[in-house]
């Protein structure tokens, strides 16, 4: 987890680290033993590369683990 970017901040005080493709190889390198080299990767993802969408209440139930959790609320006639 890291601090939220300005897009996520209105909803939560932290956000998951999302690594850009350019960092994948370094992050997944099994020979990497120096935490100081990968710690700088733990930054908020650029808000400009994200989109906030309102989803239905279906996503609020942890038992629901399906594609409908990602659908915009407008596809279901609003919230609920």
C-alpha atoms as a PDB file:
ATOM      1  CA  UNK A   1       0.000   0.000   0.000  1.00  0.00           C
ATOM      2  CA  UNK A   2       0.995   3.592  -0.539  1.00  0.00           C
ATOM      3  CA  UNK A   3      -0.507   7.023  -0.089  1.00  0.00           C
ATOM      4  CA  UNK A   4      -3.376   7.789  -2.459  1.00  0.00           C
ATOM      5  CA  UNK A   5      -3.030   9.932  -5.561  1.00  0.00           C
ATOM      6  CA  UNK A   6      -5.430  12.871  -5.963  1.00  0.00           C
ATOM      7  CA  UNK A   7      -7.995  10.679  -7.766  1.00  0.00           C
ATOM      8  CA  UNK A   8      -8.221   8.079  -4.984  1.00  0.00           C
ATOM      9  CA  UNK A   9      -7.764  10.448  -2.010  1.00  0.00           C
ATOM     10  CA  UNK A  10     -11.458  11.474  -1.797  1.00  0.00           C
ATOM     11  CA  UNK A  11     -12.369   7.801  -1.292  1.00  0.00           C
ATOM     12  CA  UNK A  12      -9.569   6.387   0.846  1.00  0.00           C
ATOM     13  CA  UNK A  13      -6.408   7.307   2.740  1.00  0.00           C
ATOM     14  CA  UNK A  14      -4.292   4.696   0.948  1.00  0.00           C
ATOM     15  CA  UNK A  15      -4.194   2.763  -2.321  1.00  0.00           C
ATOM     16  CA  UNK A  16      -2.534  -0.376  -3.672  1.00  0.00           C
ATOM     17  CA  UNK A  17       0.782   0.056  -5.417  1.00  0.00           C
ATOM     18  CA  UNK A  18       0.289  -0.286  -9.169  1.00  0.00           C
ATOM     19  CA  UNK A  19       3.559  -0.808 -10.983  1.00  0.00           C
ATOM     20  CA  UNK A  20       4.036   0.592 -14.476  1.00  0.00           C
ATOM     21  CA  UNK A  21       5.093  -1.973 -17.084  1.00  0.00           C
ATOM     22  CA  UNK A  22       8.591  -0.504 -17.138  1.00  0.00           C
ATOM     23  CA  UNK A  23       9.078  -1.624 -13.510  1.00  0.00           C
ATOM     24  CA  UNK A  24       7.774  -5.183 -13.829  1.00  0.00           C
ATOM     25  CA  UNK A  25      11.085  -6.803 -14.746  1.00  0.00           C
ATOM     26  CA  UNK A  26      12.945  -5.177 -11.864  1.00  0.00           C
ATOM     27  CA  UNK A  27      10.167  -5.935  -9.350  1.00  0.00           C
ATOM     28  CA  UNK A  28       9.895  -9.588 -10.396  1.00  0.00           C
ATOM     29  CA  UNK A  29      13.655 -10.234 -10.630  1.00  0.00           C
ATOM     30  CA  UNK A  30      14.257 -13.232  -8.317  1.00  0.00           C
ATOM     31  CA  UNK A  31      17.881 -12.156  -7.895  1.00  0.00           C
ATOM     32  CA  UNK A  32      16.924  -8.733  -6.514  1.00  0.00           C
ATOM     33  CA  UNK A  33      17.956  -8.736  -2.876  1.00  0.00           C
ATOM     34  CA  UNK A  34      18.382  -4.983  -2.283  1.00  0.00           C
ATOM     35  CA  UNK A  35      15.146  -3.486  -0.958  1.00  0.00           C
ATOM     36  CA  UNK A  36      16.592   0.022  -1.359  1.00  0.00           C
ATOM     37  CA  UNK A  37      16.536  -0.467  -5.140  1.00  0.00           C
ATOM     38  CA  UNK A  38      12.859  -1.377  -5.358  1.00  0.00           C
ATOM     39  CA  UNK A  39      11.471   0.794  -2.539  1.00  0.00           C
ATOM     40  CA  UNK A  40      11.297   3.832  -4.871  1.00  0.00           C
ATOM     41  CA  UNK A  41       8.805   1.864  -7.002  1.00  0.00           C
ATOM     42  CA  UNK A  42       6.262   2.020  -4.157  1.00  0.00           C
ATOM     43  CA  UNK A  43       4.728   5.286  -5.345  1.00  0.00           C
ATOM     44  CA  UNK A  44       1.128   6.272  -6.069  1.00  0.00           C
ATOM     45  CA  UNK A  45       0.178   5.449  -9.655  1.00  0.00           C
ATOM     46  CA  UNK A  46      -0.308   8.604 -11.780  1.00  0.00           C
ATOM     47  CA  UNK A  47      -3.920   9.745 -11.448  1.00  0.00           C
ATOM     48  CA  UNK A  48      -3.876  10.896 -15.083  1.00  0.00           C
ATOM     49  CA  UNK A  49      -3.598   7.251 -16.129  1.00  0.00           C
ATOM     50  CA  UNK A  50      -6.605   6.170 -14.037  1.00  0.00           C
ATOM     51  CA  UNK A  51     -10.355   6.609 -14.272  1.00  0.00           C
ATOM     52  CA  UNK A  52     -12.867   6.709 -11.412  1.00  0.00           C
ATOM     53  CA  UNK A  53     -16.233   5.113 -12.111  1.00  0.00           C
ATOM     54  CA  UNK A  54     -19.164   4.658  -9.773  1.00  0.00           C
ATOM     55  CA  UNK A  55     -20.043   0.974  -9.478  1.00  0.00           C
ATOM     56  CA  UNK A  56     -23.200  -0.685  -8.180  1.00  0.00           C
ATOM     57  CA  UNK A  57     -23.658  -1.902  -4.613  1.00  0.00           C
ATOM     58  CA  UNK A  58     -22.939  -5.391  -6.000  1.00  0.00           C
ATOM     59  CA  UNK A  59     -19.235  -4.579  -5.541  1.00  0.00           C
ATOM     60  CA  UNK A  60     -19.702  -3.940  -1.800  1.00  0.00           C
ATOM     61  CA  UNK A  61     -20.282  -7.617  -1.036  1.00  0.00           C
ATOM     62  CA  UNK A  62     -17.081  -9.636  -0.605  1.00  0.00           C
ATOM     63  CA  UNK A  63     -18.948 -12.780  -1.766  1.00  0.00           C
ATOM     64  CA  UNK A  64     -19.345 -11.189  -5.185  1.00  0.00           C
ATOM     65  CA  UNK A  65     -16.182 -11.869  -7.161  1.00  0.00           C
ATOM     66  CA  UNK A  66     -17.288 -11.497 -10.741  1.00  0.00           C
ATOM     67  CA  UNK A  67     -17.053  -9.087 -13.691  1.00  0.00           C
ATOM     68  CA  UNK A  68     -20.231  -7.279 -12.599  1.00  0.00           C
ATOM     69  CA  UNK A  69     -18.192  -5.739  -9.743  1.00  0.00           C
ATOM     70  CA  UNK A  70     -16.325  -3.681 -12.358  1.00  0.00           C
ATOM     71  CA  UNK A  71     -19.321  -2.526 -14.375  1.00  0.00           C
ATOM     72  CA  UNK A  72     -20.272   1.172 -14.117  1.00  0.00           C
ATOM     73  CA  UNK A  73     -23.416   1.769 -12.030  1.00  0.00           C
ATOM     74  CA  UNK A  74     -25.140   3.341 -15.038  1.00  0.00           C
ATOM     75  CA  UNK A  75     -25.298  -0.096 -16.700  1.00  0.00           C
ATOM     76  CA  UNK A  76     -27.679  -1.162 -13.935  1.00  0.00           C
ATOM     77  CA  UNK A  77     -29.906   1.902 -13.953  1.00  0.00           C
ATOM     78  CA  UNK A  78     -27.969   3.602 -11.181  1.00  0.00           C
ATOM     79  CA  UNK A  79     -26.999   2.326  -7.763  1.00  0.00           C
ATOM     80  CA  UNK A  80     -28.560  -0.576  -5.965  1.00  0.00           C
END
